[in-house]
Amino acid sequence: MSLTQIMKEQPEVINALYRYKNTIFKDGNLSNKEKELIAIAVICVLKCEECLDVHARRAIELGATKDEIREAMLVAMYLAGPHAVIWSEKIDEFLSDGR
């Protein structure tokens, strides 16, 4: 079932999910930028290309530098090993697009 289908058939589920996201992704003990960098590291392990685009853009909007994004990816590579190395190319592609 696609996200679009769920939105049509069960909007309350999607609304709850977005409320949860909005609660988590607001400044707290960690800044939003730090949370987005954590998200990027996790995405490198989960291998979600669409997620990478969304969270890398958001991190940059919040002031993250290319070096910070690469460093988040390096943490993922260290913890996940070769599994996350593939994503170094995705990060490089994203950062070289002039974003």
PDB file of N, CA and C in Angstrom:
ATOM      1  N   MET A   1       0.856  -1.177   0.000  1.00  0.00           N
ATOM      2  CA  MET A   1       0.000   0.000   0.000  1.00  0.00           C
ATOM      3  C   MET A   1       0.900   1.237   0.000  1.00  0.00           C
ATOM      4  N   SER A   2       0.613   2.161  -0.890  1.00  0.00           N
ATOM      5  CA  SER A   2       1.428   3.368  -1.004  1.00  0.00           C
ATOM      6  C   SER A   2       1.027   4.395   0.051  1.00  0.00           C
ATOM      7  N   LEU A   3       1.922   5.335   0.276  1.00  0.00           N
ATOM      8  CA  LEU A   3       1.642   6.412   1.215  1.00  0.00           C
ATOM      9  C   LEU A   3       0.428   7.214   0.763  1.00  0.00           C
ATOM     10  N   THR A   4       0.312   7.420  -0.544  1.00  0.00           N
ATOM     11  CA  THR A   4      -0.836   8.150  -1.091  1.00  0.00           C
ATOM     12  C   THR A   4      -2.138   7.423  -0.774  1.00  0.00           C
ATOM     13  N   GLN A   5      -2.118   6.113  -0.926  1.00  0.00           N
ATOM     14  CA  GLN A   5      -3.309   5.303  -0.634  1.00  0.00           C
ATOM     15  C   GLN A   5      -3.669   5.387   0.852  1.00  0.00           C
ATOM     16  N   ILE A   6      -2.661   5.293   1.700  1.00  0.00           N
ATOM     17  CA  ILE A   6      -2.917   5.382   3.145  1.00  0.00           C
ATOM     18  C   ILE A   6      -3.497   6.748   3.482  1.00  0.00           C
ATOM     19  N   MET A   7      -2.975   7.795   2.849  1.00  0.00           N
ATOM     20  CA  MET A   7      -3.480   9.148   3.105  1.00  0.00           C
ATOM     21  C   MET A   7      -4.957   9.256   2.748  1.00  0.00           C
ATOM     22  N   LYS A   8      -5.360   8.587   1.664  1.00  0.00           N
ATOM     23  CA  LYS A   8      -6.762   8.622   1.243  1.00  0.00           C
ATOM     24  C   LYS A   8      -7.651   7.805   2.162  1.00  0.00           C
ATOM     25  N   GLU A   9      -7.180   6.603   2.500  1.00  0.00           N
ATOM     26  CA  GLU A   9      -8.026   5.668   3.227  1.00  0.00           C
ATOM     27  C   GLU A   9      -7.946   5.812   4.745  1.00  0.00           C
ATOM     28  N   GLN A  10      -6.792   6.238   5.239  1.00  0.00           N
ATOM     29  CA  GLN A  10      -6.617   6.355   6.684  1.00  0.00           C
ATOM     30  C   GLN A  10      -5.840   7.627   7.027  1.00  0.00           C
ATOM     31  N   PRO A  11      -6.428   8.789   6.760  1.00  0.00           N
ATOM     32  CA  PRO A  11      -5.698  10.037   7.003  1.00  0.00           C
ATOM     33  C   PRO A  11      -5.298  10.215   8.463  1.00  0.00           C
ATOM     34  N   GLU A  12      -6.036   9.621   9.375  1.00  0.00           N
ATOM     35  CA  GLU A  12      -5.703   9.763  10.795  1.00  0.00           C
ATOM     36  C   GLU A  12      -4.354   9.117  11.115  1.00  0.00           C
ATOM     37  N   VAL A  13      -4.017   8.058  10.390  1.00  0.00           N
ATOM     38  CA  VAL A  13      -2.725   7.394  10.596  1.00  0.00           C
ATOM     39  C   VAL A  13      -1.592   8.321  10.159  1.00  0.00           C
ATOM     40  N   ILE A  14      -1.738   8.909   8.987  1.00  0.00           N
ATOM     41  CA  ILE A  14      -0.710   9.817   8.471  1.00  0.00           C
ATOM     42  C   ILE A  14      -0.616  11.057   9.341  1.00  0.00           C
ATOM     43  N   ASN A  15      -1.749  11.595   9.759  1.00  0.00           N
ATOM     44  CA  ASN A  15      -1.734  12.770  10.626  1.00  0.00           C
ATOM     45  C   ASN A  15      -1.018  12.479  11.939  1.00  0.00           C
ATOM     46  N   ALA A  16      -1.249  11.301  12.509  1.00  0.00           N
ATOM     47  CA  ALA A  16      -0.569  10.912  13.748  1.00  0.00           C
ATOM     48  C   ALA A  16       0.938  10.794  13.517  1.00  0.00           C
ATOM     49  N   LEU A  17       1.305  10.232  12.374  1.00  0.00           N
ATOM     50  CA  LEU A  17       2.721  10.092  12.042  1.00  0.00           C
ATOM     51  C   LEU A  17       3.387  11.456  11.933  1.00  0.00           C
ATOM     52  N   TYR A  18       2.741  12.417  11.276  1.00  0.00           N
ATOM     53  CA  TYR A  18       3.312  13.752  11.131  1.00  0.00           C
ATOM     54  C   TYR A  18       3.354  14.500  12.459  1.00  0.00           C
ATOM     55  N   ARG A  19       2.362  14.301  13.317  1.00  0.00           N
ATOM     56  CA  ARG A  19       2.412  14.912  14.650  1.00  0.00           C
ATOM     57  C   ARG A  19       3.612  14.379  15.427  1.00  0.00           C
ATOM     58  N   TYR A  20       3.829  13.080  15.328  1.00  0.00           N
ATOM     59  CA  TYR A  20       4.969  12.446  15.991  1.00  0.00           C
ATOM     60  C   TYR A  20       6.284  13.025  15.465  1.00  0.00           C
ATOM     61  N   LYS A  21       6.406  13.110  14.140  1.00  0.00           N
ATOM     62  CA  LYS A  21       7.607  13.676  13.520  1.00  0.00           C
ATOM     63  C   LYS A  21       7.829  15.111  13.970  1.00  0.00           C
ATOM     64  N   ASN A  22       6.772  15.910  13.967  1.00  0.00           N
ATOM     65  CA  ASN A  22       6.897  17.314  14.354  1.00  0.00           C
ATOM     66  C   ASN A  22       7.290  17.473  15.817  1.00  0.00           C
ATOM     67  N   THR A  23       6.865  16.543  16.650  1.00  0.00           N
ATOM     68  CA  THR A  23       7.248  16.580  18.063  1.00  0.00           C
ATOM     69  C   THR A  23       8.732  16.263  18.217  1.00  0.00           C
ATOM     70  N   ILE A  24       9.194  15.268  17.494  1.00  0.00           N
ATOM     71  CA  ILE A  24      10.594  14.849  17.594  1.00  0.00           C
ATOM     72  C   ILE A  24      11.535  15.872  16.959  1.00  0.00           C
ATOM     73  N   PHE A  25      11.156  16.405  15.803  1.00  0.00           N
ATOM     74  CA  PHE A  25      12.034  17.304  15.068  1.00  0.00           C
ATOM     75  C   PHE A  25      11.784  18.764  15.417  1.00  0.00           C
ATOM     76  N   LYS A  26      11.786  19.061  16.704  1.00  0.00           N
ATOM     77  CA  LYS A  26      11.817  20.453  17.126  1.00  0.00           C
ATOM     78  C   LYS A  26      12.974  20.589  18.100  1.00  0.00           C
ATOM     79  N   ASP A  27      13.488  21.804  18.220  1.00  0.00           N
ATOM     80  CA  ASP A  27      14.644  22.002  19.086  1.00  0.00           C
ATOM     81  C   ASP A  27      14.360  21.513  20.495  1.00  0.00           C
ATOM     82  N   GLY A  28      15.312  20.830  21.036  1.00  0.00           N
ATOM     83  CA  GLY A  28      15.252  20.347  22.412  1.00  0.00           C
ATOM     84  C   GLY A  28      16.674  20.348  22.931  1.00  0.00           C
ATOM     85  N   ASN A  29      17.075  19.267  23.556  1.00  0.00           N
ATOM     86  CA  ASN A  29      18.470  19.152  23.982  1.00  0.00           C
ATOM     87  C   ASN A  29      19.400  19.063  22.782  1.00  0.00           C
ATOM     88  N   LEU A  30      18.889  18.523  21.695  1.00  0.00           N
ATOM     89  CA  LEU A  30      19.605  18.538  20.417  1.00  0.00           C
ATOM     90  C   LEU A  30      18.921  19.556  19.513  1.00  0.00           C
ATOM     91  N   SER A  31      19.711  20.256  18.731  1.00  0.00           N
ATOM     92  CA  SER A  31      19.118  21.195  17.772  1.00  0.00           C
ATOM     93  C   SER A  31      18.497  20.413  16.620  1.00  0.00           C
ATOM     94  N   ASN A  32      17.639  21.079  15.866  1.00  0.00           N
ATOM     95  CA  ASN A  32      17.066  20.447  14.674  1.00  0.00           C
ATOM     96  C   ASN A  32      18.162  20.016  13.709  1.00  0.00           C
ATOM     97  N   LYS A  33      19.187  20.845  13.570  1.00  0.00           N
ATOM     98  CA  LYS A  33      20.293  20.502  12.670  1.00  0.00           C
ATOM     99  C   LYS A  33      20.957  19.203  13.121  1.00  0.00           C
ATOM    100  N   GLU A  34      21.222  19.078  14.405  1.00  0.00           N
ATOM    101  CA  GLU A  34      21.844  17.851  14.918  1.00  0.00           C
ATOM    102  C   GLU A  34      20.945  16.641  14.680  1.00  0.00           C
ATOM    103  N   LYS A  35      19.654  16.822  14.860  1.00  0.00           N
ATOM    104  CA  LYS A  35      18.710  15.724  14.626  1.00  0.00           C
ATOM    105  C   LYS A  35      18.704  15.309  13.159  1.00  0.00           C
ATOM    106  N   GLU A  36      18.793  16.277  12.257  1.00  0.00           N
ATOM    107  CA  GLU A  36      18.834  15.952  10.830  1.00  0.00           C
ATOM    108  C   GLU A  36      20.128  15.222  10.475  1.00  0.00           C
ATOM    109  N   LEU A  37      21.232  15.595  11.112  1.00  0.00           N
ATOM    110  CA  LEU A  37      22.492  14.888  10.869  1.00  0.00           C
ATOM    111  C   LEU A  37      22.413  13.450  11.376  1.00  0.00           C
ATOM    112  N   ILE A  38      21.758  13.245  12.502  1.00  0.00           N
ATOM    113  CA  ILE A  38      21.526  11.880  12.994  1.00  0.00           C
ATOM    114  C   ILE A  38      20.678  11.117  11.985  1.00  0.00           C
ATOM    115  N   ALA A  39      19.633  11.776  11.484  1.00  0.00           N
ATOM    116  CA  ALA A  39      18.758  11.135  10.495  1.00  0.00           C
ATOM    117  C   ALA A  39      19.557  10.721   9.258  1.00  0.00           C
ATOM    118  N   ILE A  40      20.473  11.569   8.814  1.00  0.00           N
ATOM    119  CA  ILE A  40      21.291  11.243   7.645  1.00  0.00           C
ATOM    120  C   ILE A  40      22.128   9.998   7.912  1.00  0.00           C
ATOM    121  N   ALA A  41      22.721   9.915   9.089  1.00  0.00           N
ATOM    122  CA  ALA A  41      23.525   8.733   9.431  1.00  0.00           C
ATOM    123  C   ALA A  41      22.668   7.472   9.413  1.00  0.00           C
ATOM    124  N   VAL A  42      21.478   7.547   9.984  1.00  0.00           N
ATOM    125  CA  VAL A  42      20.582   6.385  10.010  1.00  0.00           C
ATOM    126  C   VAL A  42      20.141   6.019   8.597  1.00  0.00           C
ATOM    127  N   ILE A  43      19.858   7.019   7.785  1.00  0.00           N
ATOM    128  CA  ILE A  43      19.425   6.788   6.406  1.00  0.00           C
ATOM    129  C   ILE A  43      20.496   6.046   5.610  1.00  0.00           C
ATOM    130  N   CYS A  44      21.769   6.347   5.885  1.00  0.00           N
ATOM    131  CA  CYS A  44      22.859   5.638   5.199  1.00  0.00           C
ATOM    132  C   CYS A  44      22.811   4.147   5.502  1.00  0.00           C
ATOM    133  N   VAL A  45      22.329   3.790   6.670  1.00  0.00           N
ATOM    134  CA  VAL A  45      22.214   2.382   7.046  1.00  0.00           C
ATOM    135  C   VAL A  45      20.929   1.781   6.481  1.00  0.00           C
ATOM    136  N   LEU A  46      19.845   2.553   6.507  1.00  0.00           N
ATOM    137  CA  LEU A  46      18.554   2.058   6.022  1.00  0.00           C
ATOM    138  C   LEU A  46      18.454   2.048   4.501  1.00  0.00           C
ATOM    139  N   LYS A  47      19.307   2.814   3.839  1.00  0.00           N
ATOM    140  CA  LYS A  47      19.350   2.882   2.374  1.00  0.00           C
ATOM    141  C   LYS A  47      18.053   3.415   1.762  1.00  0.00           C
ATOM    142  N   CYS A  48      17.629   4.577   2.223  1.00  0.00           N
ATOM    143  CA  CYS A  48      16.423   5.213   1.687  1.00  0.00           C
ATOM    144  C   CYS A  48      16.837   6.485   0.949  1.00  0.00           C
ATOM    145  N   GLU A  49      16.932   6.388  -0.373  1.00  0.00           N
ATOM    146  CA  GLU A  49      17.423   7.511  -1.172  1.00  0.00           C
ATOM    147  C   GLU A  49      16.507   8.731  -1.075  1.00  0.00           C
ATOM    148  N   GLU A  50      15.208   8.517  -1.117  1.00  0.00           N
ATOM    149  CA  GLU A  50      14.264   9.633  -0.996  1.00  0.00           C
ATOM    150  C   GLU A  50      14.414  10.311   0.364  1.00  0.00           C
ATOM    151  N   CYS A  51      14.596   9.502   1.401  1.00  0.00           N
ATOM    152  CA  CYS A  51      14.780  10.044   2.752  1.00  0.00           C
ATOM    153  C   CYS A  51      16.048  10.888   2.825  1.00  0.00           C
ATOM    154  N   LEU A  52      17.109  10.419   2.172  1.00  0.00           N
ATOM    155  CA  LEU A  52      18.371  11.157   2.169  1.00  0.00           C
ATOM    156  C   LEU A  52      18.168  12.539   1.576  1.00  0.00           C
ATOM    157  N   ASP A  53      17.475  12.618   0.473  1.00  0.00           N
ATOM    158  CA  ASP A  53      17.236  13.899  -0.182  1.00  0.00           C
ATOM    159  C   ASP A  53      16.490  14.848   0.753  1.00  0.00           C
ATOM    160  N   VAL A  54      15.440  14.363   1.379  1.00  0.00           N
ATOM    161  CA  VAL A  54      14.620  15.195   2.272  1.00  0.00           C
ATOM    162  C   VAL A  54      15.439  15.687   3.462  1.00  0.00           C
ATOM    163  N   HIS A  55      16.132  14.778   4.124  1.00  0.00           N
ATOM    164  CA  HIS A  55      16.824  15.151   5.359  1.00  0.00           C
ATOM    165  C   HIS A  55      18.124  15.911   5.101  1.00  0.00           C
ATOM    166  N   ALA A  56      18.807  15.624   4.007  1.00  0.00           N
ATOM    167  CA  ALA A  56      20.014  16.390   3.681  1.00  0.00           C
ATOM    168  C   ALA A  56      19.639  17.825   3.315  1.00  0.00           C
ATOM    169  N   ARG A  57      18.580  17.988   2.544  1.00  0.00           N
ATOM    170  CA  ARG A  57      18.107  19.348   2.215  1.00  0.00           C
ATOM    171  C   ARG A  57      17.749  20.112   3.489  1.00  0.00           C
ATOM    172  N   ARG A  58      17.031  19.439   4.366  1.00  0.00           N
ATOM    173  CA  ARG A  58      16.606  20.086   5.615  1.00  0.00           C
ATOM    174  C   ARG A  58      17.820  20.440   6.476  1.00  0.00           C
ATOM    175  N   ALA A  59      18.793  19.551   6.548  1.00  0.00           N
ATOM    176  CA  ALA A  59      20.002  19.829   7.330  1.00  0.00           C
ATOM    177  C   ALA A  59      20.715  21.067   6.791  1.00  0.00           C
ATOM    178  N   ILE A  60      20.808  21.170   5.468  1.00  0.00           N
ATOM    179  CA  ILE A  60      21.453  22.331   4.857  1.00  0.00           C
ATOM    180  C   ILE A  60      20.653  23.596   5.146  1.00  0.00           C
ATOM    181  N   GLU A  61      19.331  23.514   5.053  1.00  0.00           N
ATOM    182  CA  GLU A  61      18.483  24.668   5.379  1.00  0.00           C
ATOM    183  C   GLU A  61      18.715  25.128   6.812  1.00  0.00           C
ATOM    184  N   LEU A  62      19.018  24.182   7.694  1.00  0.00           N
ATOM    185  CA  LEU A  62      19.238  24.496   9.108  1.00  0.00           C
ATOM    186  C   LEU A  62      20.685  24.881   9.404  1.00  0.00           C
ATOM    187  N   GLY A  63      21.506  24.969   8.359  1.00  0.00           N
ATOM    188  CA  GLY A  63      22.871  25.451   8.526  1.00  0.00           C
ATOM    189  C   GLY A  63      23.958  24.397   8.533  1.00  0.00           C
ATOM    190  N   ALA A  64      23.612  23.150   8.265  1.00  0.00           N
ATOM    191  CA  ALA A  64      24.635  22.100   8.216  1.00  0.00           C
ATOM    192  C   ALA A  64      25.551  22.335   7.021  1.00  0.00           C
ATOM    193  N   THR A  65      26.815  22.075   7.227  1.00  0.00           N
ATOM    194  CA  THR A  65      27.781  22.206   6.139  1.00  0.00           C
ATOM    195  C   THR A  65      27.944  20.858   5.435  1.00  0.00           C
ATOM    196  N   LYS A  66      28.543  20.914   4.262  1.00  0.00           N
ATOM    197  CA  LYS A  66      28.827  19.668   3.543  1.00  0.00           C
ATOM    198  C   LYS A  66      29.741  18.775   4.373  1.00  0.00           C
ATOM    199  N   ASP A  67      30.690  19.381   5.069  1.00  0.00           N
ATOM    200  CA  ASP A  67      31.599  18.593   5.906  1.00  0.00           C
ATOM    201  C   ASP A  67      30.858  17.910   7.053  1.00  0.00           C
ATOM    202  N   GLU A  68      29.881  18.581   7.636  1.00  0.00           N
ATOM    203  CA  GLU A  68      29.092  17.963   8.712  1.00  0.00           C
ATOM    204  C   GLU A  68      28.269  16.792   8.182  1.00  0.00           C
ATOM    205  N   ILE A  69      27.705  16.953   6.993  1.00  0.00           N
ATOM    206  CA  ILE A  69      26.921  15.868   6.395  1.00  0.00           C
ATOM    207  C   ILE A  69      27.822  14.679   6.089  1.00  0.00           C
ATOM    208  N   ARG A  70      28.986  14.949   5.526  1.00  0.00           N
ATOM    209  CA  ARG A  70      29.934  13.850   5.255  1.00  0.00           C
ATOM    210  C   ARG A  70      30.364  13.163   6.550  1.00  0.00           C
ATOM    211  N   GLU A  71      30.579  13.948   7.608  1.00  0.00           N
ATOM    212  CA  GLU A  71      31.004  13.361   8.877  1.00  0.00           C
ATOM    213  C   GLU A  71      29.910  12.479   9.471  1.00  0.00           C
ATOM    214  N   ALA A  72      28.662  12.894   9.338  1.00  0.00           N
ATOM    215  CA  ALA A  72      27.544  12.053   9.798  1.00  0.00           C
ATOM    216  C   ALA A  72      27.547  10.730   9.043  1.00  0.00           C
ATOM    217  N   MET A  73      27.811  10.800   7.742  1.00  0.00           N
ATOM    218  CA  MET A  73      27.873   9.589   6.930  1.00  0.00           C
ATOM    219  C   MET A  73      29.041   8.711   7.358  1.00  0.00           C
ATOM    220  N   LEU A  74      30.167   9.314   7.726  1.00  0.00           N
ATOM    221  CA  LEU A  74      31.328   8.545   8.179  1.00  0.00           C
ATOM    222  C   LEU A  74      31.041   7.801   9.481  1.00  0.00           C
ATOM    223  N   VAL A  75      30.275   8.428  10.359  1.00  0.00           N
ATOM    224  CA  VAL A  75      29.876   7.746  11.598  1.00  0.00           C
ATOM    225  C   VAL A  75      29.051   6.510  11.250  1.00  0.00           C
ATOM    226  N   ALA A  76      28.117   6.669  10.317  1.00  0.00           N
ATOM    227  CA  ALA A  76      27.296   5.526   9.890  1.00  0.00           C
ATOM    228  C   ALA A  76      28.172   4.440   9.283  1.00  0.00           C
ATOM    229  N   MET A  77      29.141   4.842   8.472  1.00  0.00           N
ATOM    230  CA  MET A  77      30.037   3.865   7.848  1.00  0.00           C
ATOM    231  C   MET A  77      30.822   3.096   8.903  1.00  0.00           C
ATOM    232  N   TYR A  78      31.293   3.797   9.922  1.00  0.00           N
ATOM    233  CA  TYR A  78      32.050   3.140  10.984  1.00  0.00           C
ATOM    234  C   TYR A  78      31.180   2.122  11.717  1.00  0.00           C
ATOM    235  N   LEU A  79      29.965   2.517  12.052  1.00  0.00           N
ATOM    236  CA  LEU A  79      29.092   1.648  12.840  1.00  0.00           C
ATOM    237  C   LEU A  79      28.484   0.519  12.020  1.00  0.00           C
ATOM    238  N   ALA A  80      28.185   0.791  10.765  1.00  0.00           N
ATOM    239  CA  ALA A  80      27.529  -0.218   9.934  1.00  0.00           C
ATOM    240  C   ALA A  80      28.512  -0.977   9.047  1.00  0.00           C
ATOM    241  N   GLY A  81      29.725  -0.481   8.954  1.00  0.00           N
ATOM    242  CA  GLY A  81      30.716  -1.137   8.114  1.00  0.00           C
ATOM    243  C   GLY A  81      30.419  -0.938   6.642  1.00  0.00           C
ATOM    244  N   PRO A  82      30.834  -1.881   5.828  1.00  0.00           N
ATOM    245  CA  PRO A  82      30.691  -1.754   4.376  1.00  0.00           C
ATOM    246  C   PRO A  82      29.250  -1.524   3.930  1.00  0.00           C
ATOM    247  N   HIS A  83      28.316  -1.942   4.749  1.00  0.00           N
ATOM    248  CA  HIS A  83      26.903  -1.777   4.435  1.00  0.00           C
ATOM    249  C   HIS A  83      26.569  -0.319   4.102  1.00  0.00           C
ATOM    250  N   ALA A  84      27.182   0.623   4.812  1.00  0.00           N
ATOM    251  CA  ALA A  84      26.880   2.042   4.608  1.00  0.00           C
ATOM    252  C   ALA A  84      27.851   2.727   3.652  1.00  0.00           C
ATOM    253  N   VAL A  85      28.945   2.076   3.297  1.00  0.00           N
ATOM    254  CA  VAL A  85      29.945   2.692   2.424  1.00  0.00           C
ATOM    255  C   VAL A  85      29.343   3.087   1.085  1.00  0.00           C
ATOM    256  N   ILE A  86      28.435   2.284   0.583  1.00  0.00           N
ATOM    257  CA  ILE A  86      27.772   2.560  -0.687  1.00  0.00           C
ATOM    258  C   ILE A  86      27.162   3.958  -0.674  1.00  0.00           C
ATOM    259  N   TRP A  87      26.702   4.390   0.472  1.00  0.00           N
ATOM    260  CA  TRP A  87      26.027   5.674   0.563  1.00  0.00           C
ATOM    261  C   TRP A  87      26.971   6.851   0.492  1.00  0.00           C
ATOM    262  N   SER A  88      28.271   6.627   0.611  1.00  0.00           N
ATOM    263  CA  SER A  88      29.201   7.740   0.451  1.00  0.00           C
ATOM    264  C   SER A  88      29.057   8.341  -0.943  1.00  0.00           C
ATOM    265  N   GLU A  89      28.805   7.504  -1.942  1.00  0.00           N
ATOM    266  CA  GLU A  89      28.590   8.006  -3.301  1.00  0.00           C
ATOM    267  C   GLU A  89      27.298   8.810  -3.394  1.00  0.00           C
ATOM    268  N   LYS A  90      26.249   8.362  -2.718  1.00  0.00           N
ATOM    269  CA  LYS A  90      24.976   9.094  -2.733  1.00  0.00           C
ATOM    270  C   LYS A  90      25.150  10.463  -2.082  1.00  0.00           C
ATOM    271  N   ILE A  91      25.878  10.503  -0.963  1.00  0.00           N
ATOM    272  CA  ILE A  91      26.136  11.777  -0.288  1.00  0.00           C
ATOM    273  C   ILE A  91      26.923  12.695  -1.222  1.00  0.00           C
ATOM    274  N   ASP A  92      27.971  12.155  -1.862  1.00  0.00           N
ATOM    275  CA  ASP A  92      28.766  12.963  -2.788  1.00  0.00           C
ATOM    276  C   ASP A  92      27.916  13.489  -3.940  1.00  0.00           C
ATOM    277  N   GLU A  93      27.036  12.645  -4.486  1.00  0.00           N
ATOM    278  CA  GLU A  93      26.137  13.085  -5.561  1.00  0.00           C
ATOM    279  C   GLU A  93      25.257  14.222  -5.073  1.00  0.00           C
ATOM    280  N   PHE A  94      24.688  14.054  -3.903  1.00  0.00           N
ATOM    281  CA  PHE A  94      23.798  15.076  -3.360  1.00  0.00           C
ATOM    282  C   PHE A  94      24.553  16.386  -3.166  1.00  0.00           C
ATOM    283  N   LEU A  95      25.722  16.319  -2.555  1.00  0.00           N
ATOM    284  CA  LEU A  95      26.476  17.528  -2.246  1.00  0.00           C
ATOM    285  C   LEU A  95      27.066  18.184  -3.486  1.00  0.00           C
ATOM    286  N   SER A  96      27.328  17.425  -4.532  1.00  0.00           N
ATOM    287  CA  SER A  96      27.917  18.008  -5.739  1.00  0.00           C
ATOM    288  C   SER A  96      26.878  18.626  -6.666  1.00  0.00           C
ATOM    289  N   ASP A  97      25.604  18.412  -6.378  1.00  0.00           N
ATOM    290  CA  ASP A  97      24.546  18.989  -7.209  1.00  0.00           C
ATOM    291  C   ASP A  97      24.348  20.476  -6.933  1.00  0.00           C
ATOM    292  N   GLY A  98      25.219  21.063  -6.130  1.00  0.00           N
ATOM    293  CA  GLY A  98      25.110  22.483  -5.836  1.00  0.00           C
ATOM    294  C   GLY A  98      24.051  22.810  -4.812  1.00  0.00           C
ATOM    295  N   ARG A  99      23.657  21.835  -4.042  1.00  0.00           N
ATOM    296  CA  ARG A  99      22.609  22.072  -3.045  1.00  0.00           C
ATOM    297  C   ARG A  99      23.190  22.681  -1.804  1.00  0.00           C
TER     298      ARG A  99
END
